[in-house]
Amino acid sequence: MIFLKIVKKGHSKHIYQQIYEELKKSILERKITVNEKLPSKRNLAEQLNVSVNSVSNAYEQLLAEGYIYTIERKGYFVENITQYIDQHEARAVNFPIDLKEQHHDKGGWLSLSHMTSDISMFPFKKWLKCQNEAIKNHRQELSEITSPQGPYIVRKTISRMIALTRGVKCEPEQIIIGGGTQPLVRQFMTLLKGNTKVAIENPGYSRIHALLKSMKFDVAPINLDKKGIDMKEIESINPKILFITPSHQFPTGIIMPISRRIELLNWAAHSNDRYIVEDDYDSEFKYGTDNIPSLQSLDRHHRVIYTGTFSKTLLPSFRISYIVLPPKLLREYRNFYSNWIQGSNSFSLFTLHYFIESGEYERHIKRMNHHYEMKRKLLIKQLQATFKDDIEIKNVPAGLHFLAHFKKNKRYEDINEKAKQEKLEIYSIERFNLDSKYKKDETSISLVMGFATIKTEEIPEAVNRLYRIIN
């Protein structure tokens, strides 16, 4: 007879789960021997004073997991299960301390981060309405795996939009949608063979720099001049791929003039294997003037790879970005990624399609432009009033951040530590200097001042905390 300890009332598990757990434990501990026949369902039910259904469900679960087997008309028997090594000496293994994650309580914190967006004015009701349209019109597509490049109808909508707003010249077929700029960059950079020389702006986007280094590319940081990335250094280093942010250089904010843009395009056109990657990460936000056309719109030789994102304009958590590949690279991409499964959420992509087509996206951008411009002006005014002659602001009317120089001789390590104490999220220029040879200006410190997340009424307190940090 099998003796099971069954606790029926007040237990967190159902009766059949309790029977299952007890039988499994007995089998693993060899309290029930290999090939031993188990009691019939009815007999065990009577023994335990439970329903036959409870025993039946427990047996079926054990059978499904391979703890027992059945012989027709004979009943259920215990499987010969391989034992764990050193089963009787097994000890609990502690999870490595260095892999543990710490929960960071953001209570009381204020943020001047450049990486966030303001969701307080996001039209969630309009977005939900567009979701309903996606459900109504795309039930079949939502049940399928879409094209590796994303749904064609969404790519067509994006291509039409960026042609109007950024002057980008492309067919829907040239667009590849993905779950962020980094994975998209990884995808098309995988196509490049050999020891390809790559160059990137310095200071610049450290995440892309780290990605390229992890892919074993020979990456050269190139310094900036007043027009953007330095042409003399480009010609000296002679990279095959050049990563730039011409519409609003990250993080300095420089807007590249037409003369430098043409110089870059002429440089790229001199070789069939040179490409410029244009990261147009926040070009939707321009204050006081119209948007500046993209570098890709001036390209006559298919040398520019254009990348864009909806992380700044919608929600970063949507993870919707895209690239526009020249035809030659597109052909290689399709050959290499023919079996690729698209990584973005199709439901969100179809919703985005209706959000753009209905005009809601354009209206949202106009509202946010006005909102961010007012917030930006207020932050600059507050900084100037507080720091007076001790601050110099690179006041480029574009994007969601600007660069500020503070006339203080302090170590960035001390600034960062004091910021933690004051509960203020800030980012220094040091984070984005990609060359280890970089020497800090001993007379000042530079901070990348983001203003998207900070609430208007919180700006004075954030500036006061910053004053205490720096002084």
Protein backbone atom coordinates (compact mmCIF):
# COMPACT_ATOMS: atom_id res chain seq x y z
CA MET A 1 0.00 0.00 0.00
CA ILE A 2 1.20 3.54 -0.82
CA PHE A 3 1.02 6.03 2.03
CA LEU A 4 0.56 9.64 0.98
CA LYS A 5 0.31 12.69 3.15
CA ILE A 6 -2.58 14.65 1.66
CA VAL A 7 -3.67 17.95 3.17
CA LYS A 8 -7.06 18.69 1.70
CA LYS A 9 -8.60 21.71 3.36
CA GLY A 10 -7.06 25.17 3.41
CA HIS A 11 -4.20 24.12 1.13
CA SER A 12 -3.03 26.49 -1.61
CA LYS A 13 -3.04 23.64 -4.17
CA HIS A 14 -5.85 21.54 -5.56
CA ILE A 15 -6.28 17.94 -4.31
CA TYR A 16 -4.96 16.44 -7.56
CA GLN A 17 -1.86 18.69 -7.34
CA GLN A 18 -1.19 17.48 -3.78
CA ILE A 19 -1.48 13.83 -4.89
CA TYR A 20 0.78 14.54 -7.87
CA GLU A 21 3.45 16.22 -5.69
CA GLU A 22 3.47 13.44 -3.11
CA LEU A 23 3.69 10.67 -5.71
CA LYS A 24 6.43 12.47 -7.61
CA LYS A 25 8.44 12.93 -4.40
CA SER A 26 8.04 9.25 -3.50
CA ILE A 27 9.12 8.15 -6.99
CA LEU A 28 12.22 10.40 -7.02
CA GLU A 29 13.24 9.28 -3.52
CA ARG A 30 12.75 5.62 -4.55
CA LYS A 31 10.11 5.10 -1.86
CA ILE A 32 8.13 3.55 -4.68
CA THR A 33 10.38 1.18 -6.61
CA VAL A 34 10.98 1.08 -10.35
CA ASN A 35 8.26 -0.78 -12.31
CA GLU A 36 6.09 -1.00 -9.19
CA LYS A 37 2.41 -0.95 -10.01
CA LEU A 38 0.43 1.96 -8.61
CA PRO A 39 -2.99 1.43 -7.03
CA SER A 40 -5.95 1.71 -9.34
CA LYS A 41 -7.59 5.13 -9.47
CA ARG A 42 -10.60 3.88 -7.51
CA ASN A 43 -8.52 2.15 -4.81
CA LEU A 44 -6.28 5.17 -4.25
CA ALA A 45 -9.31 7.45 -4.19
CA GLU A 46 -10.91 5.32 -1.47
CA GLN A 47 -7.63 5.16 0.47
CA LEU A 48 -7.27 8.95 0.43
CA ASN A 49 -10.98 9.68 0.71
CA VAL A 50 -10.91 11.86 -2.42
CA SER A 51 -12.69 11.76 -5.76
CA VAL A 52 -11.60 9.44 -8.57
CA ASN A 53 -11.21 12.52 -10.80
CA SER A 54 -8.55 13.94 -8.46
CA VAL A 55 -6.50 10.73 -8.68
CA SER A 56 -7.05 10.51 -12.42
CA ASN A 57 -5.78 14.06 -12.96
CA ALA A 58 -2.71 13.37 -10.81
CA TYR A 59 -1.90 10.19 -12.73
CA GLU A 60 -2.32 11.91 -16.09
CA GLN A 61 0.08 14.68 -15.07
CA LEU A 62 2.69 12.16 -13.90
CA LEU A 63 2.23 10.23 -17.14
CA ALA A 64 2.66 13.39 -19.25
CA GLU A 65 5.90 14.26 -17.46
CA GLY A 66 7.32 10.73 -17.71
CA TYR A 67 7.28 9.67 -14.05
CA ILE A 68 4.99 6.70 -14.74
CA TYR A 69 3.93 4.60 -17.70
CA THR A 70 0.81 2.64 -18.46
CA ILE A 71 0.17 -0.85 -19.80
CA GLU A 72 -3.22 -1.34 -21.39
CA ARG A 73 -5.67 -3.20 -19.10
CA LYS A 74 -2.97 -3.59 -16.43
CA GLY A 75 -2.64 -0.13 -14.96
CA TYR A 76 0.06 2.43 -14.11
CA PHE A 77 3.69 1.61 -13.27
CA VAL A 78 6.72 3.60 -12.04
CA GLU A 79 9.27 4.56 -14.71
CA ASN A 80 12.99 3.85 -14.32
CA ILE A 81 14.12 7.44 -13.87
CA THR A 82 17.79 8.39 -14.06
CA GLN A 83 18.98 9.64 -10.68
CA TYR A 84 20.69 12.98 -10.14
CA ILE A 85 24.45 12.85 -9.54
CA ASP A 86 25.22 13.06 -5.81
CA GLN A 87 21.51 13.27 -5.14
CA HIS A 88 21.90 12.58 -1.42
CA GLU A 89 24.68 15.14 -1.06
CA ALA A 90 23.03 17.86 -3.11
CA ARG A 91 23.39 21.30 -1.62
CA ALA A 92 21.51 24.47 -2.42
CA VAL A 93 23.62 26.58 -4.78
CA ASN A 94 23.49 30.27 -4.00
CA PHE A 95 22.89 32.58 -6.95
CA PRO A 96 26.12 34.50 -7.78
CA ILE A 97 26.15 37.89 -6.05
CA ASP A 98 27.55 39.69 -9.11
CA LEU A 99 24.51 38.63 -11.16
CA LYS A 100 21.94 39.86 -8.65
CA GLU A 101 19.91 42.88 -9.72
CA GLN A 102 19.29 45.75 -7.36
CA HIS A 103 15.96 47.52 -7.33
CA HIS A 104 16.50 51.27 -7.49
CA ASP A 105 13.80 53.26 -5.79
CA LYS A 106 13.20 56.41 -7.87
CA GLY A 107 11.13 58.04 -5.15
CA GLY A 108 12.16 61.68 -4.73
CA TRP A 109 14.40 61.66 -7.82
CA LEU A 110 14.31 64.33 -10.54
CA SER A 111 15.67 63.68 -14.02
CA LEU A 112 17.60 65.79 -16.52
CA SER A 113 18.19 62.73 -18.68
CA HIS A 114 18.49 62.97 -22.46
CA MET A 115 17.16 59.42 -22.95
CA THR A 116 13.54 59.84 -21.95
CA SER A 117 10.34 61.31 -23.36
CA ASP A 118 7.37 63.09 -21.79
CA ILE A 119 4.31 60.81 -21.81
CA SER A 120 2.06 63.23 -19.92
CA MET A 121 0.61 64.54 -23.20
CA PHE A 122 0.57 61.29 -25.13
CA PRO A 123 -2.90 60.77 -26.70
CA PHE A 124 -3.55 57.30 -25.32
CA LYS A 125 -7.25 57.39 -26.27
CA LYS A 126 -6.35 58.15 -29.89
CA TRP A 127 -3.77 55.37 -29.84
CA LEU A 128 -6.37 52.92 -28.49
CA LYS A 129 -8.73 53.97 -31.27
CA CYS A 130 -6.03 53.16 -33.81
CA GLN A 131 -5.49 49.81 -32.07
CA ASN A 132 -9.15 49.01 -32.67
CA GLU A 133 -8.67 49.83 -36.35
CA ALA A 134 -5.70 47.47 -36.46
CA ILE A 135 -7.77 44.68 -34.90
CA LYS A 136 -10.69 45.28 -37.22
CA ASN A 137 -8.69 45.42 -40.46
CA HIS A 138 -5.71 43.12 -39.87
CA ARG A 139 -6.93 40.03 -38.04
CA GLN A 140 -5.34 37.71 -40.59
CA GLU A 141 -1.95 39.48 -40.52
CA LEU A 142 -1.94 39.55 -36.72
CA SER A 143 -2.21 35.74 -36.71
CA GLU A 144 0.81 35.36 -39.01
CA ILE A 145 4.56 35.98 -38.95
CA THR A 146 5.12 39.12 -40.97
CA SER A 147 7.87 39.95 -43.50
CA PRO A 148 11.41 40.11 -42.06
CA GLN A 149 11.33 43.82 -42.91
CA GLY A 150 7.96 44.49 -41.26
CA PRO A 151 4.44 44.75 -42.76
CA TYR A 152 4.51 46.37 -46.20
CA ILE A 153 1.61 48.71 -45.46
CA VAL A 154 3.48 50.12 -42.45
CA ARG A 155 6.69 50.57 -44.44
CA LYS A 156 4.73 52.37 -47.14
CA THR A 157 3.26 54.75 -44.57
CA ILE A 158 6.68 55.44 -43.03
CA SER A 159 8.27 56.02 -46.44
CA ARG A 160 5.58 58.54 -47.35
CA MET A 161 5.93 60.31 -43.98
CA ILE A 162 9.73 60.67 -44.01
CA ALA A 163 9.61 61.86 -47.63
CA LEU A 164 7.35 64.73 -46.54
CA THR A 165 9.05 65.56 -43.24
CA ARG A 166 12.71 64.70 -43.86
CA GLY A 167 13.02 64.62 -47.64
CA VAL A 168 14.12 60.99 -47.54
CA LYS A 169 14.00 59.39 -50.99
CA CYS A 170 13.13 55.73 -50.76
CA GLU A 171 10.68 53.00 -51.71
CA PRO A 172 8.80 51.05 -49.02
CA GLU A 173 10.91 48.04 -50.01
CA GLN A 174 14.05 49.83 -48.73
CA ILE A 175 12.72 50.18 -45.19
CA ILE A 176 13.50 47.64 -42.48
CA ILE A 177 11.63 47.96 -39.18
CA GLY A 178 13.13 46.68 -35.95
CA GLY A 179 12.95 46.84 -32.18
CA GLY A 180 15.51 49.63 -31.78
CA THR A 181 18.44 51.27 -33.55
CA GLN A 182 21.05 48.99 -31.96
CA PRO A 183 19.66 45.66 -33.25
CA LEU A 184 19.12 47.20 -36.69
CA VAL A 185 22.72 48.44 -36.79
CA ARG A 186 23.90 44.99 -35.73
CA GLN A 187 21.88 43.45 -38.58
CA PHE A 188 23.25 45.50 -41.45
CA MET A 189 26.78 45.65 -40.05
CA THR A 190 26.80 41.84 -40.02
CA LEU A 191 26.62 42.02 -43.83
CA LEU A 192 30.04 43.66 -44.03
CA LYS A 193 32.91 41.29 -44.63
CA GLY A 194 36.49 41.45 -43.47
CA ASN A 195 38.28 43.89 -41.19
CA THR A 196 36.12 46.90 -42.02
CA LYS A 197 37.33 50.27 -40.76
CA VAL A 198 34.51 52.17 -39.05
CA ALA A 199 34.51 55.76 -37.79
CA ILE A 200 32.18 57.49 -35.35
CA GLU A 201 31.82 61.02 -33.98
CA ASN A 202 33.69 61.86 -30.78
CA PRO A 203 32.04 62.74 -28.47
CA GLY A 204 29.27 60.51 -29.74
CA TYR A 205 26.74 57.78 -29.08
CA SER A 206 28.58 55.44 -26.72
CA ARG A 207 26.09 52.56 -27.11
CA ILE A 208 26.73 52.30 -30.86
CA HIS A 209 30.45 52.60 -30.24
CA ALA A 210 30.31 49.74 -27.73
CA LEU A 211 28.19 47.65 -30.12
CA LEU A 212 30.65 48.06 -33.00
CA LYS A 213 33.58 47.20 -30.75
CA SER A 214 31.78 44.07 -29.52
CA MET A 215 31.34 43.04 -33.17
CA LYS A 216 35.15 43.24 -33.57
CA PHE A 217 35.14 46.17 -35.98
CA ASP A 218 38.13 48.49 -36.09
CA VAL A 219 36.41 51.61 -34.72
CA ALA A 220 38.04 55.04 -34.86
CA PRO A 221 36.55 57.98 -32.93
CA ILE A 222 36.82 61.20 -34.97
CA ASN A 223 36.82 64.63 -33.35
CA LEU A 224 34.46 67.48 -34.17
CA ASP A 225 35.01 71.02 -35.37
CA LYS A 226 32.47 73.84 -35.46
CA LYS A 227 30.72 72.26 -38.48
CA GLY A 228 30.51 68.72 -37.14
CA ILE A 229 32.74 65.73 -37.79
CA ASP A 230 36.23 66.70 -38.92
CA MET A 231 36.83 66.10 -42.66
CA LYS A 232 40.63 66.06 -42.39
CA GLU A 233 40.50 63.24 -39.86
CA ILE A 234 38.05 61.31 -42.04
CA GLU A 235 40.38 61.56 -45.03
CA SER A 236 43.34 60.56 -42.87
CA ILE A 237 41.66 57.53 -41.28
CA ASN A 238 39.79 56.55 -44.49
CA PRO A 239 36.96 54.47 -42.96
CA LYS A 240 34.54 52.34 -44.96
CA ILE A 241 31.56 53.15 -42.74
CA LEU A 242 30.97 56.52 -41.07
CA PHE A 243 28.39 56.99 -38.28
CA ILE A 244 27.14 60.57 -37.85
CA THR A 245 24.22 62.61 -36.44
CA PRO A 246 24.17 65.60 -38.81
CA SER A 247 20.77 67.12 -37.96
CA HIS A 248 21.54 67.45 -34.24
CA GLN A 249 24.93 66.07 -33.30
CA PHE A 250 24.81 63.91 -30.23
CA PRO A 251 25.67 65.12 -27.66
CA THR A 252 27.02 68.58 -28.61
CA GLY A 253 23.92 69.67 -30.58
CA ILE A 254 25.84 70.95 -33.62
CA ILE A 255 23.66 71.24 -36.75
CA MET A 256 25.83 70.33 -39.73
CA PRO A 257 25.78 73.06 -42.44
CA ILE A 258 25.19 72.31 -46.11
CA SER A 259 28.87 72.81 -46.99
CA ARG A 260 30.01 69.99 -44.68
CA ARG A 261 27.17 67.74 -45.82
CA ILE A 262 28.22 68.06 -49.45
CA GLU A 263 31.85 67.43 -48.48
CA LEU A 264 30.82 64.19 -46.79
CA LEU A 265 28.70 63.03 -49.71
CA ASN A 266 31.53 63.76 -52.16
CA TRP A 267 33.93 61.81 -49.95
CA ALA A 268 31.57 58.82 -49.86
CA ALA A 269 30.99 58.93 -53.63
CA HIS A 270 34.70 58.47 -54.38
CA SER A 271 34.51 54.78 -53.49
CA ASN A 272 31.90 52.10 -54.13
CA ASP A 273 32.30 50.57 -50.68
CA ARG A 274 31.97 53.70 -48.54
CA TYR A 275 28.74 54.34 -46.64
CA ILE A 276 27.53 57.03 -44.27
CA VAL A 277 25.09 55.98 -41.53
CA GLU A 278 22.84 58.95 -40.74
CA ASP A 279 21.27 58.60 -37.29
CA ASP A 280 18.26 60.94 -37.33
CA TYR A 281 17.33 60.25 -33.72
CA ASP A 282 15.39 63.40 -32.72
CA SER A 283 15.04 65.53 -35.86
CA GLU A 284 11.26 65.93 -35.35
CA PHE A 285 11.92 68.57 -32.70
CA LYS A 286 13.06 71.90 -34.09
CA TYR A 287 12.28 75.25 -32.50
CA GLY A 288 11.90 78.54 -34.35
CA THR A 289 12.71 77.24 -37.85
CA ASP A 290 11.56 74.48 -40.18
CA ASN A 291 13.07 71.00 -40.01
CA ILE A 292 16.43 70.59 -41.69
CA PRO A 293 16.37 68.12 -44.60
CA SER A 294 18.15 64.84 -44.01
CA LEU A 295 21.58 64.09 -45.41
CA GLN A 296 19.99 61.18 -47.29
CA SER A 297 17.80 63.64 -49.22
CA LEU A 298 20.97 65.13 -50.79
CA ASP A 299 22.54 61.76 -51.62
CA ARG A 300 22.82 61.12 -55.38
CA HIS A 301 24.92 57.95 -55.25
CA HIS A 302 23.09 55.70 -52.72
CA ARG A 303 25.85 56.13 -50.15
CA VAL A 304 23.68 57.01 -47.12
CA ILE A 305 22.05 54.51 -44.76
CA TYR A 306 19.29 56.42 -42.98
CA THR A 307 18.12 55.40 -39.49
CA GLY A 308 15.10 56.78 -37.63
CA THR A 309 13.14 56.00 -34.50
CA PHE A 310 9.77 56.61 -32.85
CA SER A 311 11.28 56.37 -29.36
CA LYS A 312 11.50 60.14 -28.93
CA THR A 313 8.16 61.02 -30.49
CA LEU A 314 5.98 58.22 -29.11
CA LEU A 315 7.11 56.03 -26.21
CA PRO A 316 10.58 54.48 -25.85
CA SER A 317 8.90 51.29 -24.61
CA PHE A 318 7.19 50.78 -28.01
CA ARG A 319 10.63 49.89 -29.46
CA ILE A 320 9.89 50.92 -33.05
CA SER A 321 12.85 52.01 -35.19
CA TYR A 322 13.72 51.65 -38.87
CA ILE A 323 16.53 51.91 -41.39
CA VAL A 324 16.53 52.79 -45.08
CA LEU A 325 19.05 50.72 -47.04
CA PRO A 326 20.49 51.59 -50.46
CA PRO A 327 19.49 49.02 -53.14
CA LYS A 328 22.87 47.25 -53.16
CA LEU A 329 22.82 46.64 -49.40
CA LEU A 330 19.11 45.78 -49.51
CA ARG A 331 19.81 42.91 -51.92
CA GLU A 332 22.52 41.57 -49.58
CA TYR A 333 20.22 42.01 -46.60
CA ARG A 334 17.43 39.99 -48.21
CA ASN A 335 19.78 37.18 -49.16
CA PHE A 336 21.25 37.01 -45.66
CA TYR A 337 18.05 37.50 -43.65
CA SER A 338 15.51 35.63 -45.78
CA ASN A 339 14.60 33.41 -42.80
CA TRP A 340 14.68 36.20 -40.22
CA ILE A 341 11.62 36.59 -37.97
CA GLN A 342 10.63 40.22 -37.55
CA GLY A 343 11.30 41.40 -34.01
CA SER A 344 8.78 44.21 -33.63
CA ASN A 345 5.24 43.85 -32.35
CA SER A 346 2.98 43.69 -35.43
CA PHE A 347 0.01 44.94 -33.42
CA SER A 348 1.93 48.11 -32.51
CA LEU A 349 3.12 48.52 -36.10
CA PHE A 350 -0.39 48.37 -37.58
CA THR A 351 -1.55 50.74 -34.84
CA LEU A 352 1.25 53.12 -35.82
CA HIS A 353 0.07 52.95 -39.42
CA TYR A 354 -3.39 54.24 -38.50
CA PHE A 355 -1.94 56.74 -36.02
CA ILE A 356 0.07 58.31 -38.86
CA GLU A 357 -2.60 57.98 -41.56
CA SER A 358 -5.28 59.61 -39.38
CA GLY A 359 -3.10 62.68 -38.84
CA GLU A 360 -2.84 62.04 -35.09
CA TYR A 361 0.93 61.57 -35.25
CA GLU A 362 1.47 64.94 -36.95
CA ARG A 363 -0.82 66.69 -34.46
CA HIS A 364 1.00 65.01 -31.57
CA ILE A 365 4.39 66.20 -32.89
CA LYS A 366 3.13 69.79 -33.16
CA ARG A 367 1.82 69.70 -29.59
CA MET A 368 5.04 68.24 -28.26
CA ASN A 369 7.19 70.72 -30.19
CA HIS A 370 5.40 73.59 -28.49
CA HIS A 371 5.49 71.84 -25.12
CA TYR A 372 9.20 71.01 -25.32
CA GLU A 373 10.10 74.49 -26.56
CA MET A 374 8.43 76.11 -23.54
CA LYS A 375 10.08 73.63 -21.16
CA ARG A 376 13.48 74.12 -22.80
CA LYS A 377 13.28 77.91 -22.54
CA LEU A 378 12.29 77.71 -18.89
CA LEU A 379 15.19 75.38 -18.04
CA ILE A 380 17.71 77.61 -19.82
CA LYS A 381 16.32 80.72 -18.11
CA GLN A 382 16.47 79.05 -14.70
CA LEU A 383 20.04 77.84 -15.27
CA GLN A 384 21.22 81.27 -16.37
CA ALA A 385 19.53 82.98 -13.44
CA THR A 386 21.06 80.53 -10.95
CA PHE A 387 24.59 80.10 -12.33
CA LYS A 388 24.93 83.57 -13.89
CA ASP A 389 28.43 84.00 -15.39
CA ASP A 390 29.48 80.50 -14.36
CA ILE A 391 27.54 78.81 -17.15
CA GLU A 392 27.81 78.72 -20.94
CA ILE A 393 24.94 77.05 -22.83
CA LYS A 394 25.21 75.78 -26.39
CA ASN A 395 21.78 77.08 -27.30
CA VAL A 396 20.99 75.08 -30.46
CA PRO A 397 17.18 75.22 -30.96
CA ALA A 398 16.67 71.54 -31.71
CA GLY A 399 16.19 68.14 -30.07
CA LEU A 400 15.50 67.18 -26.48
CA HIS A 401 18.81 68.15 -24.91
CA PHE A 402 21.50 70.82 -24.99
CA LEU A 403 25.08 71.05 -23.78
CA ALA A 404 25.98 73.23 -20.80
CA HIS A 405 29.50 74.15 -19.63
CA PHE A 406 29.99 75.09 -15.97
CA LYS A 407 33.09 77.05 -14.94
CA LYS A 408 34.11 74.75 -12.13
CA ASN A 409 37.25 72.67 -11.71
CA LYS A 410 35.75 69.46 -10.38
CA ARG A 411 36.17 65.76 -11.04
CA TYR A 412 33.30 64.06 -12.84
CA GLU A 413 33.46 61.27 -10.27
CA ASP A 414 32.68 63.76 -7.53
CA ILE A 415 29.86 65.29 -9.56
CA ASN A 416 28.28 61.88 -10.15
CA GLU A 417 28.53 60.91 -6.48
CA LYS A 418 27.02 64.19 -5.32
CA ALA A 419 24.20 63.79 -7.89
CA LYS A 420 23.26 60.48 -6.27
CA GLN A 421 23.07 62.15 -2.90
CA GLU A 422 20.88 64.92 -4.30
CA LYS A 423 18.72 62.41 -6.21
CA LEU A 424 19.22 64.15 -9.54
CA GLU A 425 19.77 62.15 -12.74
CA ILE A 426 22.39 63.87 -14.89
CA TYR A 427 24.88 62.81 -17.58
CA SER A 428 28.29 64.35 -18.16
CA ILE A 429 30.10 64.75 -21.46
CA GLU A 430 32.69 62.28 -20.16
CA ARG A 431 30.21 59.45 -20.72
CA PHE A 432 30.25 60.17 -24.47
CA ASN A 433 33.95 60.76 -25.03
CA LEU A 434 34.94 57.65 -26.93
CA ASP A 435 38.70 58.16 -27.05
CA SER A 436 40.76 57.13 -24.02
CA LYS A 437 43.25 59.87 -24.91
CA TYR A 438 40.64 62.52 -24.15
CA LYS A 439 41.87 65.12 -21.67
CA LYS A 440 39.38 66.93 -19.50
CA ASP A 441 39.20 70.71 -19.65
CA GLU A 442 40.54 71.61 -16.20
CA THR A 443 38.58 74.87 -16.09
CA SER A 444 35.05 73.54 -16.61
CA ILE A 445 32.71 70.58 -16.58
CA SER A 446 30.15 69.84 -19.30
CA LEU A 447 26.75 68.26 -18.82
CA VAL A 448 24.19 66.99 -21.34
CA MET A 449 20.98 68.63 -20.17
CA GLY A 450 17.82 66.72 -21.10
CA PHE A 451 14.44 68.29 -20.44
CA ALA A 452 11.87 65.82 -21.78
CA THR A 453 10.87 64.08 -18.56
CA ILE A 454 11.23 66.88 -16.03
CA LYS A 455 7.91 68.52 -15.13
CA THR A 456 7.69 72.27 -15.57
CA GLU A 457 7.01 72.85 -11.88
CA GLU A 458 10.01 70.67 -10.95
CA ILE A 459 12.57 72.67 -12.97
CA PRO A 460 13.45 75.20 -10.20
CA GLU A 461 14.10 72.41 -7.69
CA ALA A 462 16.15 70.43 -10.23
CA VAL A 463 18.32 73.49 -10.93
CA ASN A 464 18.76 74.13 -7.19
CA ARG A 465 19.95 70.55 -6.71
CA LEU A 466 22.32 70.95 -9.64
CA TYR A 467 23.69 74.14 -8.10
CA ARG A 468 24.43 72.31 -4.85
CA ILE A 469 26.07 69.47 -6.78
CA ILE A 470 28.40 71.74 -8.75
CA ASN A 471 29.16 74.25 -6.03
